[in-house]
Amino acid sequence: MKKYSAKTITGKGRGKKIGFPTINLKLEKELKITGVFKGALEISNKTHQGVVFVGTSKTFGNKKKTYEIHLFDFNQEINKNTVVNLLVGTKIREIQKFKSIKDLIKAIEKDCEQAKNMKE
């Protein structure tokens, strides 16, 4: 997995509303990649596995590139501007626009299962 230094930022809270809370990040440098990836976040010398989203959220009509991660088995609040390391691994899928929130939820569930079953 490739490692990128980042700080936590405040997001719009959409992930939490649909059952997949995310930690939103501001990276030191812009990444040229987009998509959904297996990933992890290093917080205070502990690594937490999850699914990383890099790009614009087509379902919500966002035009600004965002970096966010949904962590498995992690439910702590993290302060804004916390320094972390984002680890980005194997790509799971391209970004797509979903017809409904229900379809988005199904895709995220599938992404999480795929990421958990990957060896990297």
C-alpha atoms as a PDB file:
ATOM      1  CA  MET A   1       0.000   0.000   0.000  1.00  0.00           C
ATOM      2  CA  LYS A   2       1.174   3.524  -0.705  1.00  0.00           C
ATOM      3  CA  LYS A   3       1.308   5.919   2.245  1.00  0.00           C
ATOM      4  CA  TYR A   4       0.227   9.576   2.199  1.00  0.00           C
ATOM      5  CA  SER A   5       0.410  12.127   5.002  1.00  0.00           C
ATOM      6  CA  ALA A   6      -2.890  13.862   5.745  1.00  0.00           C
ATOM      7  CA  LYS A   7      -4.915  15.852   8.261  1.00  0.00           C
ATOM      8  CA  THR A   8      -8.489  15.144   9.229  1.00  0.00           C
ATOM      9  CA  ILE A   9     -11.131  17.676   8.179  1.00  0.00           C
ATOM     10  CA  THR A  10     -14.849  18.099   8.716  1.00  0.00           C
ATOM     11  CA  GLY A  11     -17.089  16.484   6.106  1.00  0.00           C
ATOM     12  CA  LYS A  12     -20.789  16.791   5.299  1.00  0.00           C
ATOM     13  CA  GLY A  13     -21.843  13.815   7.443  1.00  0.00           C
ATOM     14  CA  ARG A  14     -23.484  11.900   4.586  1.00  0.00           C
ATOM     15  CA  GLY A  15     -21.604   8.672   5.295  1.00  0.00           C
ATOM     16  CA  LYS A  16     -22.782   8.594   8.888  1.00  0.00           C
ATOM     17  CA  LYS A  17     -26.400   9.169   7.773  1.00  0.00           C
ATOM     18  CA  ILE A  18     -26.341   6.091   5.514  1.00  0.00           C
ATOM     19  CA  GLY A  19     -24.537   3.808   7.978  1.00  0.00           C
ATOM     20  CA  PHE A  20     -20.964   4.186   6.695  1.00  0.00           C
ATOM     21  CA  PRO A  21     -19.277   6.975   8.672  1.00  0.00           C
ATOM     22  CA  THR A  22     -16.131   8.291   7.029  1.00  0.00           C
ATOM     23  CA  ILE A  23     -13.102  10.244   8.094  1.00  0.00           C
ATOM     24  CA  ASN A  24     -12.509  13.089   5.654  1.00  0.00           C
ATOM     25  CA  LEU A  25      -8.949  13.996   4.827  1.00  0.00           C
ATOM     26  CA  LYS A  26      -6.836  16.774   3.376  1.00  0.00           C
ATOM     27  CA  LEU A  27      -3.705  15.312   1.822  1.00  0.00           C
ATOM     28  CA  GLU A  28      -0.387  17.135   1.610  1.00  0.00           C
ATOM     29  CA  LYS A  29      -0.393  16.595  -2.141  1.00  0.00           C
ATOM     30  CA  GLU A  30      -3.120  15.918  -4.701  1.00  0.00           C
ATOM     31  CA  LEU A  31      -3.368  12.308  -5.901  1.00  0.00           C
ATOM     32  CA  LYS A  32      -3.805  11.585  -9.595  1.00  0.00           C
ATOM     33  CA  ILE A  33      -5.897   8.475  -8.885  1.00  0.00           C
ATOM     34  CA  THR A  34      -9.677   8.221  -8.461  1.00  0.00           C
ATOM     35  CA  GLY A  35     -11.933   5.386  -7.371  1.00  0.00           C
ATOM     36  CA  VAL A  36     -12.687   3.140  -4.430  1.00  0.00           C
ATOM     37  CA  PHE A  37      -9.726   1.300  -2.914  1.00  0.00           C
ATOM     38  CA  LYS A  38      -8.819  -1.084  -0.134  1.00  0.00           C
ATOM     39  CA  GLY A  39      -7.035   1.070   2.399  1.00  0.00           C
ATOM     40  CA  ALA A  40      -6.107   1.836   5.949  1.00  0.00           C
ATOM     41  CA  LEU A  41      -5.496   4.782   8.235  1.00  0.00           C
ATOM     42  CA  GLU A  42      -2.651   5.089  10.719  1.00  0.00           C
ATOM     43  CA  ILE A  43      -3.829   7.026  13.757  1.00  0.00           C
ATOM     44  CA  SER A  44      -1.562   7.353  16.822  1.00  0.00           C
ATOM     45  CA  ASN A  45       0.637   4.429  15.734  1.00  0.00           C
ATOM     46  CA  LYS A  46      -2.345   2.093  15.183  1.00  0.00           C
ATOM     47  CA  THR A  47      -3.462   0.917  11.743  1.00  0.00           C
ATOM     48  CA  HIS A  48      -7.189   0.598  11.038  1.00  0.00           C
ATOM     49  CA  GLN A  49      -8.405  -1.165   7.869  1.00  0.00           C
ATOM     50  CA  GLY A  50     -11.127   0.218   5.627  1.00  0.00           C
ATOM     51  CA  VAL A  51     -12.297   1.394   2.225  1.00  0.00           C
ATOM     52  CA  VAL A  52     -10.959   4.622   0.689  1.00  0.00           C
ATOM     53  CA  PHE A  53     -12.894   6.913  -1.656  1.00  0.00           C
ATOM     54  CA  VAL A  54     -10.851   9.290  -3.828  1.00  0.00           C
ATOM     55  CA  GLY A  55     -12.677  11.582  -6.244  1.00  0.00           C
ATOM     56  CA  THR A  56     -15.861  13.519  -6.808  1.00  0.00           C
ATOM     57  CA  SER A  57     -19.136  12.129  -5.488  1.00  0.00           C
ATOM     58  CA  LYS A  58     -21.215  11.888  -8.656  1.00  0.00           C
ATOM     59  CA  THR A  59     -24.296  10.656  -6.782  1.00  0.00           C
ATOM     60  CA  PHE A  60     -24.410  13.903  -4.778  1.00  0.00           C
ATOM     61  CA  GLY A  61     -23.270  16.142  -7.647  1.00  0.00           C
ATOM     62  CA  ASN A  62     -20.027  17.195  -5.951  1.00  0.00           C
ATOM     63  CA  LYS A  63     -17.392  18.695  -8.233  1.00  0.00           C
ATOM     64  CA  LYS A  64     -14.592  18.972  -5.660  1.00  0.00           C
ATOM     65  CA  LYS A  65     -12.245  16.006  -5.243  1.00  0.00           C
ATOM     66  CA  THR A  66     -12.461  14.486  -1.783  1.00  0.00           C
ATOM     67  CA  TYR A  67     -10.500  11.890   0.172  1.00  0.00           C
ATOM     68  CA  GLU A  68     -12.367   9.868   2.734  1.00  0.00           C
ATOM     69  CA  ILE A  69     -12.131   6.495   4.409  1.00  0.00           C
ATOM     70  CA  HIS A  70     -14.687   4.244   6.063  1.00  0.00           C
ATOM     71  CA  LEU A  71     -12.921   2.172   8.724  1.00  0.00           C
ATOM     72  CA  PHE A  72     -14.066  -1.299   9.748  1.00  0.00           C
ATOM     73  CA  ASP A  73     -14.730  -1.777  13.478  1.00  0.00           C
ATOM     74  CA  PHE A  74     -13.887   1.824  14.378  1.00  0.00           C
ATOM     75  CA  ASN A  75     -16.356   4.164  16.053  1.00  0.00           C
ATOM     76  CA  GLN A  76     -14.280   6.851  17.747  1.00  0.00           C
ATOM     77  CA  GLU A  77     -14.512  10.573  17.123  1.00  0.00           C
ATOM     78  CA  ILE A  78     -11.370  12.097  15.690  1.00  0.00           C
ATOM     79  CA  ASN A  79     -10.507  15.748  16.199  1.00  0.00           C
ATOM     80  CA  LYS A  80     -10.184  18.058  13.218  1.00  0.00           C
ATOM     81  CA  ASN A  81      -6.571  18.588  12.073  1.00  0.00           C
ATOM     82  CA  THR A  82      -5.347  15.276  13.498  1.00  0.00           C
ATOM     83  CA  VAL A  83      -2.256  14.174  11.550  1.00  0.00           C
ATOM     84  CA  VAL A  84      -2.696  10.697  10.074  1.00  0.00           C
ATOM     85  CA  ASN A  85      -1.255   8.489   7.342  1.00  0.00           C
ATOM     86  CA  LEU A  86      -3.599   7.278   4.630  1.00  0.00           C
ATOM     87  CA  LEU A  87      -2.657   3.947   3.074  1.00  0.00           C
ATOM     88  CA  VAL A  88      -4.106   3.264  -0.369  1.00  0.00           C
ATOM     89  CA  GLY A  89      -4.024  -0.250  -1.774  1.00  0.00           C
ATOM     90  CA  THR A  90      -5.747  -2.210  -4.518  1.00  0.00           C
ATOM     91  CA  LYS A  91      -8.494  -0.515  -6.526  1.00  0.00           C
ATOM     92  CA  ILE A  92     -11.924  -2.040  -6.021  1.00  0.00           C
ATOM     93  CA  ARG A  93     -13.921  -0.065  -8.591  1.00  0.00           C
ATOM     94  CA  GLU A  94     -14.313   3.179 -10.508  1.00  0.00           C
ATOM     95  CA  ILE A  95     -16.478   6.007  -9.193  1.00  0.00           C
ATOM     96  CA  GLN A  96     -20.036   5.849 -10.455  1.00  0.00           C
ATOM     97  CA  LYS A  97     -23.292   7.740 -10.133  1.00  0.00           C
ATOM     98  CA  PHE A  98     -26.015   5.760  -8.393  1.00  0.00           C
ATOM     99  CA  LYS A  99     -29.732   6.130  -9.123  1.00  0.00           C
ATOM    100  CA  SER A 100     -30.625   5.991  -5.438  1.00  0.00           C
ATOM    101  CA  ILE A 101     -29.108   6.036  -1.960  1.00  0.00           C
ATOM    102  CA  LYS A 102     -30.225   2.400  -1.628  1.00  0.00           C
ATOM    103  CA  ASP A 103     -28.060   1.478  -4.642  1.00  0.00           C
ATOM    104  CA  LEU A 104     -25.136   3.423  -3.155  1.00  0.00           C
ATOM    105  CA  ILE A 105     -25.475   1.544   0.147  1.00  0.00           C
ATOM    106  CA  LYS A 106     -25.482  -1.822  -1.672  1.00  0.00           C
ATOM    107  CA  ALA A 107     -22.313  -0.832  -3.554  1.00  0.00           C
ATOM    108  CA  ILE A 108     -20.541   0.268  -0.356  1.00  0.00           C
ATOM    109  CA  GLU A 109     -21.509  -3.002   1.346  1.00  0.00           C
ATOM    110  CA  LYS A 110     -20.012  -4.901  -1.603  1.00  0.00           C
ATOM    111  CA  ASP A 111     -16.870  -2.688  -1.542  1.00  0.00           C
ATOM    112  CA  CYS A 112     -16.373  -3.442   2.160  1.00  0.00           C
ATOM    113  CA  GLU A 113     -16.754  -7.194   1.654  1.00  0.00           C
ATOM    114  CA  GLN A 114     -14.294  -7.140  -1.232  1.00  0.00           C
ATOM    115  CA  ALA A 115     -11.755  -5.112   0.754  1.00  0.00           C
ATOM    116  CA  LYS A 116     -12.013  -7.434   3.755  1.00  0.00           C
ATOM    117  CA  ASN A 117     -11.357 -10.455   1.514  1.00  0.00           C
ATOM    118  CA  MET A 118      -8.303  -8.977  -0.255  1.00  0.00           C
ATOM    119  CA  LYS A 119      -4.868 -10.168   0.854  1.00  0.00           C
ATOM    120  CA  GLU A 120      -3.026  -6.809   0.534  1.00  0.00           C
END
